[in-house]
Amino acid sequence: KSLPPGAAGNAQLTLAQAAYDKGEWKDAVRLAQAAYAGQGDAALRESALYVTASAQSRLGDSAAAAATFRRQLALAPKGKLAQPARLGLTWALLDAKSWNDAQAAARQLLAQPQSAGEDTSLRVRAQLALGEALLQGGHPAAALKEFGATSRVSDKTLAAQGAYGVALAQEAAGQRGLAAQAWQQYAELTPDASASIST
């Protein structure tokens, strides 16, 4: 006896999420794609695309991840996973060294109205990613603005990433003295000095 299409999709999506949580990226992609192919509702299809794209990103397939995140955003531009998908798209484009496209994706996320239940760190991480895209794209002054804002947030891990970005942007702009101050802030926020910008 087989499950109805919607229930089968839900079961496959649950299995896909479990595979993702265990680091079994290929299985997560396969199962999430099967859930998407079923006759589930829009929310199930949005979730299936999000899991697929996230697993593709973990597999290092940034082109496939970017394409899948874009499909998800075309399907559900205001869905509950739209903002995380915009951040995932930004990361995939950074991994692909598509600096201008990554800047555009991060700016699109930041331009959206903040929803009531939105993870507050999401926008900070988008700003960090935007700073990275600007820095890598040869715009240290603009990157400095984004990193500077994130270096003052209350979350120490994110603030450390912001300070790290500030130091790199100031070095790229030839501001060695200011960069030394930023490295000092970074060292204070991360006593082991092992953190780096994680996007």
N, C-alpha and C. Protein backbone atom coordinates (compact mmCIF):
# COMPACT_ATOMS: atom_id res chain seq x y z
N LYS A 1 0.86 -1.18 0.00
CA LYS A 1 0.00 0.00 0.00
C LYS A 1 0.90 1.24 0.00
N SER A 2 0.65 2.16 -0.93
CA SER A 2 1.49 3.36 -1.01
C SER A 2 0.81 4.54 -0.33
N LEU A 3 1.63 5.48 0.11
CA LEU A 3 1.12 6.68 0.76
C LEU A 3 0.55 7.64 -0.28
N PRO A 4 -0.40 8.49 0.10
CA PRO A 4 -0.86 9.52 -0.81
C PRO A 4 0.33 10.42 -1.19
N PRO A 5 0.30 11.06 -2.39
CA PRO A 5 1.45 11.85 -2.84
C PRO A 5 1.94 12.89 -1.84
N GLY A 6 1.04 13.65 -1.20
CA GLY A 6 1.46 14.66 -0.24
C GLY A 6 2.16 14.06 0.96
N ALA A 7 1.62 12.94 1.48
CA ALA A 7 2.21 12.28 2.64
C ALA A 7 3.57 11.69 2.28
N ALA A 8 3.66 11.11 1.07
CA ALA A 8 4.94 10.57 0.62
C ALA A 8 5.98 11.67 0.52
N GLY A 9 5.57 12.83 0.01
CA GLY A 9 6.48 13.97 -0.08
C GLY A 9 6.97 14.41 1.28
N ASN A 10 6.04 14.46 2.25
CA ASN A 10 6.41 14.83 3.62
C ASN A 10 7.41 13.84 4.21
N ALA A 11 7.18 12.54 3.97
CA ALA A 11 8.08 11.51 4.49
C ALA A 11 9.46 11.67 3.85
N GLN A 12 9.49 11.90 2.56
CA GLN A 12 10.78 12.07 1.87
C GLN A 12 11.49 13.33 2.35
N LEU A 13 10.74 14.38 2.59
CA LEU A 13 11.35 15.61 3.08
C LEU A 13 11.90 15.41 4.48
N THR A 14 11.19 14.67 5.33
CA THR A 14 11.68 14.37 6.67
C THR A 14 12.97 13.57 6.60
N LEU A 15 13.01 12.60 5.69
CA LEU A 15 14.23 11.80 5.50
C LEU A 15 15.36 12.67 4.94
N ALA A 16 15.03 13.58 4.04
CA ALA A 16 16.04 14.47 3.47
C ALA A 16 16.64 15.36 4.54
N GLN A 17 15.80 15.89 5.42
CA GLN A 17 16.29 16.74 6.51
C GLN A 17 17.17 15.94 7.46
N ALA A 18 16.76 14.70 7.74
CA ALA A 18 17.56 13.84 8.62
C ALA A 18 18.92 13.55 7.99
N ALA A 19 18.94 13.28 6.68
CA ALA A 19 20.21 13.03 5.98
C ALA A 19 21.08 14.28 6.03
N TYR A 20 20.47 15.44 5.83
CA TYR A 20 21.21 16.71 5.89
C TYR A 20 21.81 16.90 7.28
N ASP A 21 21.01 16.67 8.30
CA ASP A 21 21.48 16.85 9.68
C ASP A 21 22.64 15.91 10.02
N LYS A 22 22.70 14.75 9.35
CA LYS A 22 23.79 13.79 9.58
C LYS A 22 24.99 14.04 8.67
N GLY A 23 24.88 15.05 7.80
CA GLY A 23 25.99 15.34 6.89
C GLY A 23 26.03 14.45 5.66
N GLU A 24 24.92 13.79 5.38
CA GLU A 24 24.84 12.92 4.21
C GLU A 24 24.24 13.73 3.06
N TRP A 25 25.08 14.62 2.50
CA TRP A 25 24.61 15.63 1.55
C TRP A 25 24.00 15.04 0.29
N LYS A 26 24.64 14.02 -0.28
CA LYS A 26 24.11 13.43 -1.53
C LYS A 26 22.74 12.82 -1.31
N ASP A 27 22.59 12.12 -0.19
CA ASP A 27 21.28 11.53 0.12
C ASP A 27 20.25 12.64 0.35
N ALA A 28 20.66 13.71 1.02
CA ALA A 28 19.73 14.82 1.26
C ALA A 28 19.25 15.41 -0.05
N VAL A 29 20.15 15.59 -1.01
CA VAL A 29 19.76 16.12 -2.32
C VAL A 29 18.76 15.18 -2.99
N ARG A 30 19.10 13.90 -3.03
CA ARG A 30 18.24 12.91 -3.70
C ARG A 30 16.84 12.87 -3.08
N LEU A 31 16.78 12.81 -1.76
CA LEU A 31 15.49 12.70 -1.08
C LEU A 31 14.68 13.99 -1.19
N ALA A 32 15.35 15.14 -1.08
CA ALA A 32 14.64 16.42 -1.19
C ALA A 32 14.12 16.62 -2.61
N GLN A 33 14.90 16.21 -3.60
CA GLN A 33 14.42 16.31 -4.98
C GLN A 33 13.21 15.41 -5.21
N ALA A 34 13.21 14.24 -4.59
CA ALA A 34 12.05 13.35 -4.70
C ALA A 34 10.83 13.97 -4.03
N ALA A 35 11.04 14.62 -2.88
CA ALA A 35 9.92 15.28 -2.20
C ALA A 35 9.37 16.41 -3.07
N TYR A 36 10.25 17.15 -3.71
CA TYR A 36 9.82 18.24 -4.59
C TYR A 36 9.02 17.70 -5.77
N ALA A 37 9.44 16.59 -6.31
CA ALA A 37 8.78 16.01 -7.49
C ALA A 37 7.40 15.47 -7.16
N GLY A 38 7.12 15.20 -5.89
CA GLY A 38 5.79 14.73 -5.49
C GLY A 38 4.75 15.82 -5.64
N GLN A 39 3.55 15.52 -5.26
CA GLN A 39 2.46 16.48 -5.44
C GLN A 39 2.16 17.22 -4.14
N GLY A 40 3.20 17.65 -3.46
CA GLY A 40 3.01 18.37 -2.21
C GLY A 40 2.58 19.80 -2.43
N ASP A 41 2.23 20.47 -1.34
CA ASP A 41 1.80 21.87 -1.44
C ASP A 41 3.02 22.79 -1.62
N ALA A 42 2.76 24.07 -1.74
CA ALA A 42 3.82 25.04 -2.02
C ALA A 42 4.84 25.08 -0.88
N ALA A 43 4.39 24.97 0.36
CA ALA A 43 5.31 25.01 1.50
C ALA A 43 6.26 23.82 1.48
N LEU A 44 5.74 22.64 1.14
CA LEU A 44 6.58 21.44 1.05
C LEU A 44 7.59 21.62 -0.08
N ARG A 45 7.15 22.13 -1.21
CA ARG A 45 8.06 22.31 -2.35
C ARG A 45 9.13 23.35 -2.03
N GLU A 46 8.75 24.42 -1.33
CA GLU A 46 9.73 25.43 -0.92
C GLU A 46 10.78 24.80 0.00
N SER A 47 10.33 24.02 0.98
CA SER A 47 11.25 23.37 1.92
C SER A 47 12.16 22.38 1.21
N ALA A 48 11.59 21.63 0.26
CA ALA A 48 12.39 20.65 -0.49
C ALA A 48 13.49 21.35 -1.30
N LEU A 49 13.15 22.46 -1.92
CA LEU A 49 14.16 23.20 -2.68
C LEU A 49 15.22 23.77 -1.75
N TYR A 50 14.82 24.25 -0.59
CA TYR A 50 15.78 24.81 0.37
C TYR A 50 16.77 23.74 0.84
N VAL A 51 16.26 22.56 1.19
CA VAL A 51 17.15 21.47 1.63
C VAL A 51 18.06 21.05 0.48
N THR A 52 17.51 20.95 -0.73
CA THR A 52 18.32 20.58 -1.89
C THR A 52 19.46 21.56 -2.09
N ALA A 53 19.13 22.85 -2.12
CA ALA A 53 20.15 23.88 -2.37
C ALA A 53 21.19 23.91 -1.26
N SER A 54 20.75 23.78 -0.01
CA SER A 54 21.67 23.79 1.12
C SER A 54 22.64 22.62 1.04
N ALA A 55 22.13 21.44 0.69
CA ALA A 55 22.99 20.27 0.56
C ALA A 55 23.93 20.41 -0.64
N GLN A 56 23.44 20.96 -1.74
CA GLN A 56 24.31 21.18 -2.91
C GLN A 56 25.45 22.13 -2.53
N SER A 57 25.14 23.12 -1.73
CA SER A 57 26.16 24.05 -1.28
C SER A 57 27.20 23.32 -0.43
N ARG A 58 26.75 22.46 0.47
CA ARG A 58 27.67 21.69 1.31
C ARG A 58 28.54 20.74 0.48
N LEU A 59 28.01 20.29 -0.64
CA LEU A 59 28.78 19.42 -1.53
C LEU A 59 29.80 20.21 -2.36
N GLY A 60 29.74 21.54 -2.27
CA GLY A 60 30.67 22.37 -3.03
C GLY A 60 30.21 22.68 -4.44
N ASP A 61 28.96 22.36 -4.74
CA ASP A 61 28.41 22.63 -6.08
C ASP A 61 27.69 23.97 -6.03
N SER A 62 28.47 25.06 -6.03
CA SER A 62 27.89 26.39 -5.86
C SER A 62 26.98 26.78 -7.01
N ALA A 63 27.28 26.33 -8.22
CA ALA A 63 26.42 26.67 -9.37
C ALA A 63 25.05 26.03 -9.22
N ALA A 64 25.02 24.75 -8.85
CA ALA A 64 23.74 24.06 -8.67
C ALA A 64 22.98 24.66 -7.49
N ALA A 65 23.70 24.96 -6.40
CA ALA A 65 23.04 25.55 -5.22
C ALA A 65 22.42 26.89 -5.57
N ALA A 66 23.16 27.74 -6.29
CA ALA A 66 22.63 29.05 -6.68
C ALA A 66 21.38 28.89 -7.54
N ALA A 67 21.43 27.97 -8.50
CA ALA A 67 20.28 27.75 -9.38
C ALA A 67 19.07 27.26 -8.59
N THR A 68 19.29 26.38 -7.61
CA THR A 68 18.18 25.85 -6.82
C THR A 68 17.62 26.91 -5.89
N PHE A 69 18.48 27.70 -5.26
CA PHE A 69 17.98 28.80 -4.43
C PHE A 69 17.15 29.77 -5.28
N ARG A 70 17.58 30.03 -6.50
CA ARG A 70 16.81 30.92 -7.39
C ARG A 70 15.45 30.31 -7.74
N ARG A 71 15.42 29.00 -7.97
CA ARG A 71 14.13 28.33 -8.24
C ARG A 71 13.21 28.48 -7.04
N GLN A 72 13.77 28.28 -5.85
CA GLN A 72 12.97 28.41 -4.63
C GLN A 72 12.40 29.81 -4.51
N LEU A 73 13.23 30.82 -4.76
CA LEU A 73 12.77 32.20 -4.63
C LEU A 73 11.76 32.57 -5.71
N ALA A 74 11.87 31.95 -6.88
CA ALA A 74 10.86 32.17 -7.92
C ALA A 74 9.53 31.53 -7.52
N LEU A 75 9.60 30.37 -6.87
CA LEU A 75 8.39 29.67 -6.42
C LEU A 75 7.72 30.39 -5.25
N ALA A 76 8.54 30.84 -4.29
CA ALA A 76 7.97 31.41 -3.05
C ALA A 76 8.79 32.63 -2.62
N PRO A 77 8.67 33.74 -3.35
CA PRO A 77 9.48 34.92 -3.01
C PRO A 77 9.17 35.51 -1.64
N LYS A 78 8.01 35.18 -1.08
CA LYS A 78 7.65 35.66 0.25
C LYS A 78 7.43 34.50 1.22
N GLY A 79 7.94 33.32 0.85
CA GLY A 79 7.78 32.13 1.69
C GLY A 79 8.57 32.24 2.99
N LYS A 80 8.29 31.30 3.89
CA LYS A 80 8.93 31.38 5.20
C LYS A 80 10.44 31.12 5.12
N LEU A 81 10.89 30.51 4.04
CA LEU A 81 12.32 30.25 3.87
C LEU A 81 12.96 31.17 2.84
N ALA A 82 12.26 32.22 2.43
CA ALA A 82 12.79 33.11 1.39
C ALA A 82 14.04 33.84 1.86
N GLN A 83 14.02 34.39 3.06
CA GLN A 83 15.19 35.13 3.54
C GLN A 83 16.40 34.21 3.74
N PRO A 84 16.23 33.04 4.39
CA PRO A 84 17.38 32.13 4.46
C PRO A 84 17.87 31.71 3.07
N ALA A 85 16.95 31.59 2.11
CA ALA A 85 17.36 31.24 0.74
C ALA A 85 18.17 32.37 0.12
N ARG A 86 17.79 33.61 0.37
CA ARG A 86 18.57 34.74 -0.16
C ARG A 86 19.98 34.74 0.43
N LEU A 87 20.10 34.40 1.72
CA LEU A 87 21.42 34.31 2.33
C LEU A 87 22.19 33.13 1.73
N GLY A 88 21.54 32.01 1.58
CA GLY A 88 22.19 30.84 0.96
C GLY A 88 22.64 31.15 -0.46
N LEU A 89 21.81 31.87 -1.21
CA LEU A 89 22.18 32.27 -2.57
C LEU A 89 23.42 33.16 -2.53
N THR A 90 23.45 34.10 -1.59
CA THR A 90 24.62 34.98 -1.46
C THR A 90 25.87 34.17 -1.20
N TRP A 91 25.80 33.21 -0.29
CA TRP A 91 26.97 32.36 0.01
C TRP A 91 27.40 31.55 -1.20
N ALA A 92 26.41 30.98 -1.91
CA ALA A 92 26.75 30.18 -3.09
C ALA A 92 27.46 31.04 -4.13
N LEU A 93 27.00 32.27 -4.30
CA LEU A 93 27.63 33.18 -5.26
C LEU A 93 29.02 33.61 -4.80
N LEU A 94 29.20 33.78 -3.49
CA LEU A 94 30.55 34.05 -2.96
C LEU A 94 31.47 32.88 -3.25
N ASP A 95 30.97 31.66 -3.01
CA ASP A 95 31.78 30.46 -3.28
C ASP A 95 32.16 30.37 -4.75
N ALA A 96 31.27 30.86 -5.63
CA ALA A 96 31.53 30.83 -7.07
C ALA A 96 32.37 32.03 -7.53
N LYS A 97 32.73 32.89 -6.56
CA LYS A 97 33.50 34.11 -6.86
C LYS A 97 32.77 35.05 -7.81
N SER A 98 31.45 35.04 -7.73
CA SER A 98 30.59 35.95 -8.50
C SER A 98 30.28 37.14 -7.61
N TRP A 99 31.28 38.02 -7.46
CA TRP A 99 31.20 39.10 -6.48
C TRP A 99 30.01 40.03 -6.70
N ASN A 100 29.77 40.46 -7.94
CA ASN A 100 28.67 41.39 -8.22
C ASN A 100 27.31 40.75 -7.95
N ASP A 101 27.17 39.48 -8.36
CA ASP A 101 25.90 38.78 -8.12
C ASP A 101 25.69 38.55 -6.63
N ALA A 102 26.76 38.26 -5.90
CA ALA A 102 26.65 38.07 -4.45
C ALA A 102 26.23 39.37 -3.77
N GLN A 103 26.80 40.50 -4.23
CA GLN A 103 26.40 41.79 -3.69
C GLN A 103 24.90 42.03 -3.92
N ALA A 104 24.44 41.73 -5.13
CA ALA A 104 23.03 41.95 -5.45
C ALA A 104 22.12 41.06 -4.59
N ALA A 105 22.51 39.80 -4.39
CA ALA A 105 21.70 38.89 -3.58
C ALA A 105 21.63 39.36 -2.13
N ALA A 106 22.77 39.78 -1.58
CA ALA A 106 22.78 40.27 -0.19
C ALA A 106 21.94 41.53 -0.06
N ARG A 107 22.06 42.42 -1.02
CA ARG A 107 21.27 43.66 -0.96
C ARG A 107 19.78 43.37 -1.08
N GLN A 108 19.42 42.37 -1.87
CA GLN A 108 18.01 42.01 -1.99
C GLN A 108 17.48 41.52 -0.65
N LEU A 109 18.27 40.73 0.06
CA LEU A 109 17.86 40.26 1.39
C LEU A 109 17.69 41.46 2.32
N LEU A 110 18.67 42.34 2.35
CA LEU A 110 18.65 43.47 3.27
C LEU A 110 17.53 44.46 2.95
N ALA A 111 17.07 44.47 1.71
CA ALA A 111 16.00 45.39 1.30
C ALA A 111 14.62 44.90 1.70
N GLN A 112 14.50 43.63 2.07
CA GLN A 112 13.19 43.07 2.45
C GLN A 112 12.78 43.60 3.82
N PRO A 113 11.49 43.84 4.02
CA PRO A 113 11.04 44.23 5.36
C PRO A 113 11.31 43.10 6.35
N GLN A 114 11.71 43.45 7.55
CA GLN A 114 12.00 42.43 8.56
C GLN A 114 10.70 41.88 9.11
N SER A 115 10.58 40.55 9.11
CA SER A 115 9.37 39.91 9.61
C SER A 115 9.47 39.72 11.13
N ALA A 116 8.35 39.50 11.76
CA ALA A 116 8.28 39.41 13.22
C ALA A 116 9.14 38.26 13.76
N GLY A 117 9.11 37.13 13.13
CA GLY A 117 9.85 35.98 13.65
C GLY A 117 11.21 35.76 13.02
N GLU A 118 11.71 36.73 12.30
CA GLU A 118 12.97 36.56 11.57
C GLU A 118 14.16 36.44 12.53
N ASP A 119 15.04 35.53 12.24
CA ASP A 119 16.29 35.37 12.99
C ASP A 119 17.09 36.66 12.86
N THR A 120 17.37 37.29 13.99
CA THR A 120 18.04 38.60 13.96
C THR A 120 19.45 38.52 13.40
N SER A 121 20.10 37.37 13.52
CA SER A 121 21.47 37.24 13.01
C SER A 121 21.51 37.15 11.49
N LEU A 122 20.37 36.85 10.87
CA LEU A 122 20.33 36.66 9.42
C LEU A 122 20.80 37.92 8.67
N ARG A 123 20.31 39.07 9.09
CA ARG A 123 20.70 40.32 8.43
C ARG A 123 22.16 40.68 8.70
N VAL A 124 22.64 40.37 9.89
CA VAL A 124 24.05 40.64 10.19
C VAL A 124 24.93 39.76 9.30
N ARG A 125 24.56 38.49 9.17
CA ARG A 125 25.33 37.58 8.31
C ARG A 125 25.26 38.02 6.86
N ALA A 126 24.12 38.56 6.44
CA ALA A 126 24.02 39.09 5.07
C ALA A 126 24.93 40.29 4.89
N GLN A 127 25.01 41.14 5.91
CA GLN A 127 25.91 42.30 5.84
C GLN A 127 27.37 41.85 5.78
N LEU A 128 27.72 40.83 6.55
CA LEU A 128 29.07 40.28 6.48
C LEU A 128 29.37 39.74 5.08
N ALA A 129 28.40 39.02 4.52
CA ALA A 129 28.58 38.48 3.17
C ALA A 129 28.70 39.60 2.14
N LEU A 130 27.89 40.65 2.31
CA LEU A 130 27.98 41.80 1.40
C LEU A 130 29.35 42.45 1.52
N GLY A 131 29.84 42.61 2.74
CA GLY A 131 31.18 43.16 2.94
C GLY A 131 32.24 42.32 2.24
N GLU A 132 32.13 41.01 2.38
CA GLU A 132 33.08 40.10 1.72
C GLU A 132 33.02 40.24 0.20
N ALA A 133 31.81 40.30 -0.35
CA ALA A 133 31.66 40.44 -1.80
C ALA A 133 32.25 41.77 -2.28
N LEU A 134 32.01 42.82 -1.53
CA LEU A 134 32.57 44.13 -1.90
C LEU A 134 34.09 44.13 -1.80
N LEU A 135 34.62 43.55 -0.74
CA LEU A 135 36.07 43.51 -0.57
C LEU A 135 36.72 42.70 -1.68
N GLN A 136 36.18 41.52 -1.95
CA GLN A 136 36.75 40.67 -3.01
C GLN A 136 36.57 41.30 -4.38
N GLY A 137 35.51 42.09 -4.53
CA GLY A 137 35.25 42.77 -5.81
C GLY A 137 36.05 44.05 -5.99
N GLY A 138 36.92 44.36 -5.03
CA GLY A 138 37.79 45.52 -5.18
C GLY A 138 37.22 46.83 -4.68
N HIS A 139 36.28 46.77 -3.72
CA HIS A 139 35.65 47.98 -3.17
C HIS A 139 35.85 48.03 -1.65
N PRO A 140 37.11 48.23 -1.19
CA PRO A 140 37.35 48.18 0.26
C PRO A 140 36.62 49.24 1.06
N ALA A 141 36.42 50.43 0.51
CA ALA A 141 35.73 51.48 1.27
C ALA A 141 34.28 51.10 1.53
N ALA A 142 33.61 50.57 0.51
CA ALA A 142 32.23 50.13 0.68
C ALA A 142 32.16 48.93 1.62
N ALA A 143 33.13 48.02 1.50
CA ALA A 143 33.19 46.85 2.39
C ALA A 143 33.36 47.29 3.84
N LEU A 144 34.18 48.30 4.04
CA LEU A 144 34.44 48.81 5.39
C LEU A 144 33.15 49.27 6.06
N LYS A 145 32.28 49.90 5.32
CA LYS A 145 30.99 50.36 5.87
C LYS A 145 30.17 49.17 6.37
N GLU A 146 30.09 48.11 5.57
CA GLU A 146 29.30 46.93 5.95
C GLU A 146 29.93 46.21 7.14
N PHE A 147 31.23 45.99 7.07
CA PHE A 147 31.92 45.31 8.17
C PHE A 147 31.86 46.14 9.46
N GLY A 148 32.00 47.47 9.32
CA GLY A 148 31.98 48.35 10.48
C GLY A 148 30.68 48.24 11.25
N ALA A 149 29.57 48.17 10.55
CA ALA A 149 28.27 48.04 11.21
C ALA A 149 28.16 46.71 11.97
N THR A 150 28.72 45.65 11.40
CA THR A 150 28.61 44.34 12.05
C THR A 150 29.58 44.17 13.21
N SER A 151 30.64 44.96 13.23
CA SER A 151 31.63 44.81 14.31
C SER A 151 31.10 45.33 15.64
N ARG A 152 29.95 46.00 15.62
CA ARG A 152 29.39 46.57 16.85
C ARG A 152 28.14 45.83 17.36
N VAL A 153 27.82 44.69 16.78
CA VAL A 153 26.64 43.94 17.24
C VAL A 153 26.94 43.25 18.56
N SER A 154 25.91 42.86 19.29
CA SER A 154 26.09 42.27 20.62
C SER A 154 26.60 40.83 20.57
N ASP A 155 26.33 40.11 19.49
CA ASP A 155 26.80 38.73 19.35
C ASP A 155 28.32 38.77 19.10
N LYS A 156 29.09 38.22 20.05
CA LYS A 156 30.55 38.33 19.98
C LYS A 156 31.14 37.63 18.75
N THR A 157 30.58 36.50 18.37
CA THR A 157 31.10 35.78 17.20
C THR A 157 30.92 36.62 15.94
N LEU A 158 29.71 37.18 15.77
CA LEU A 158 29.46 38.01 14.59
C LEU A 158 30.25 39.31 14.65
N ALA A 159 30.37 39.89 15.84
CA ALA A 159 31.16 41.12 15.99
C ALA A 159 32.62 40.86 15.64
N ALA A 160 33.13 39.69 16.04
CA ALA A 160 34.52 39.34 15.72
C ALA A 160 34.70 39.21 14.20
N GLN A 161 33.72 38.62 13.53
CA GLN A 161 33.80 38.50 12.08
C GLN A 161 33.77 39.89 11.44
N GLY A 162 32.97 40.79 12.01
CA GLY A 162 32.94 42.16 11.51
C GLY A 162 34.27 42.86 11.70
N ALA A 163 34.88 42.70 12.89
CA ALA A 163 36.19 43.31 13.16
C ALA A 163 37.25 42.75 12.22
N TYR A 164 37.18 41.47 11.97
CA TYR A 164 38.11 40.81 11.03
C TYR A 164 37.98 41.44 9.65
N GLY A 165 36.73 41.61 9.20
CA GLY A 165 36.48 42.24 7.91
C GLY A 165 36.95 43.68 7.86
N VAL A 166 36.72 44.42 8.95
CA VAL A 166 37.18 45.81 9.02
C VAL A 166 38.69 45.85 8.83
N ALA A 167 39.41 44.98 9.55
CA ALA A 167 40.88 44.96 9.45
C ALA A 167 41.33 44.66 8.02
N LEU A 168 40.72 43.68 7.40
CA LEU A 168 41.09 43.34 6.02
C LEU A 168 40.78 44.48 5.05
N ALA A 169 39.61 45.11 5.22
CA ALA A 169 39.23 46.21 4.34
C ALA A 169 40.16 47.41 4.53
N GLN A 170 40.54 47.69 5.78
CA GLN A 170 41.45 48.80 6.03
C GLN A 170 42.84 48.52 5.47
N GLU A 171 43.28 47.28 5.58
CA GLU A 171 44.56 46.92 4.96
C GLU A 171 44.49 47.09 3.45
N ALA A 172 43.39 46.63 2.85
CA ALA A 172 43.23 46.75 1.39
C ALA A 172 43.18 48.21 0.96
N ALA A 173 42.68 49.08 1.84
CA ALA A 173 42.60 50.52 1.53
C ALA A 173 43.90 51.25 1.90
N GLY A 174 44.89 50.51 2.40
CA GLY A 174 46.17 51.11 2.77
C GLY A 174 46.15 51.86 4.09
N GLN A 175 45.16 51.57 4.95
CA GLN A 175 45.03 52.24 6.25
C GLN A 175 45.61 51.34 7.34
N ARG A 176 46.93 51.21 7.37
CA ARG A 176 47.60 50.27 8.27
C ARG A 176 47.35 50.57 9.75
N GLY A 177 47.39 51.84 10.13
CA GLY A 177 47.19 52.19 11.54
C GLY A 177 45.81 51.82 12.03
N LEU A 178 44.80 52.13 11.21
CA LEU A 178 43.42 51.78 11.57
C LEU A 178 43.22 50.26 11.55
N ALA A 179 43.89 49.61 10.62
CA ALA A 179 43.80 48.15 10.55
C ALA A 179 44.35 47.52 11.84
N ALA A 180 45.43 48.08 12.37
CA ALA A 180 46.00 47.56 13.62
C ALA A 180 44.99 47.66 14.76
N GLN A 181 44.23 48.76 14.80
CA GLN A 181 43.20 48.91 15.83
C GLN A 181 42.10 47.86 15.67
N ALA A 182 41.73 47.61 14.42
CA ALA A 182 40.69 46.59 14.15
C ALA A 182 41.19 45.20 14.52
N TRP A 183 42.48 44.92 14.25
CA TRP A 183 43.02 43.62 14.64
C TRP A 183 43.02 43.49 16.16
N GLN A 184 43.25 44.59 16.87
CA GLN A 184 43.21 44.58 18.33
C GLN A 184 41.79 44.26 18.82
N GLN A 185 40.78 44.89 18.20
CA GLN A 185 39.38 44.59 18.55
C GLN A 185 39.07 43.13 18.29
N TYR A 186 39.53 42.64 17.16
CA TYR A 186 39.31 41.23 16.80
C TYR A 186 39.93 40.32 17.86
N ALA A 187 41.17 40.63 18.27
CA ALA A 187 41.87 39.80 19.27
C ALA A 187 41.13 39.82 20.61
N GLU A 188 40.56 40.96 20.96
CA GLU A 188 39.80 41.06 22.22
C GLU A 188 38.52 40.24 22.17
N LEU A 189 37.91 40.18 21.00
CA LEU A 189 36.66 39.43 20.84
C LEU A 189 36.90 37.93 20.71
N THR A 190 38.07 37.56 20.24
CA THR A 190 38.40 36.14 20.04
C THR A 190 39.77 35.88 20.65
N PRO A 191 39.83 35.60 21.93
CA PRO A 191 41.13 35.40 22.59
C PRO A 191 42.02 34.37 21.91
N ASP A 192 41.40 33.33 21.32
CA ASP A 192 42.24 32.34 20.63
C ASP A 192 42.56 32.78 19.21
N ALA A 193 41.93 33.87 18.74
CA ALA A 193 42.18 34.44 17.40
C ALA A 193 42.09 33.40 16.30
N SER A 194 41.16 32.47 16.45
CA SER A 194 41.03 31.41 15.44
C SER A 194 39.82 31.61 14.54
N ALA A 195 38.97 32.59 14.84
CA ALA A 195 37.77 32.80 14.02
C ALA A 195 38.16 33.43 12.70
N SER A 196 37.31 33.26 11.73
CA SER A 196 37.47 33.96 10.45
C SER A 196 36.08 34.31 9.96
N ILE A 197 35.99 35.04 8.90
CA ILE A 197 34.66 35.40 8.37
C ILE A 197 34.00 34.15 7.88
N SER A 198 32.90 33.76 8.51
CA SER A 198 32.16 32.58 8.07
C SER A 198 30.87 33.03 7.47
N THR A 199 30.68 32.72 6.22
CA THR A 199 29.48 33.18 5.53
C THR A 199 28.50 32.10 5.34
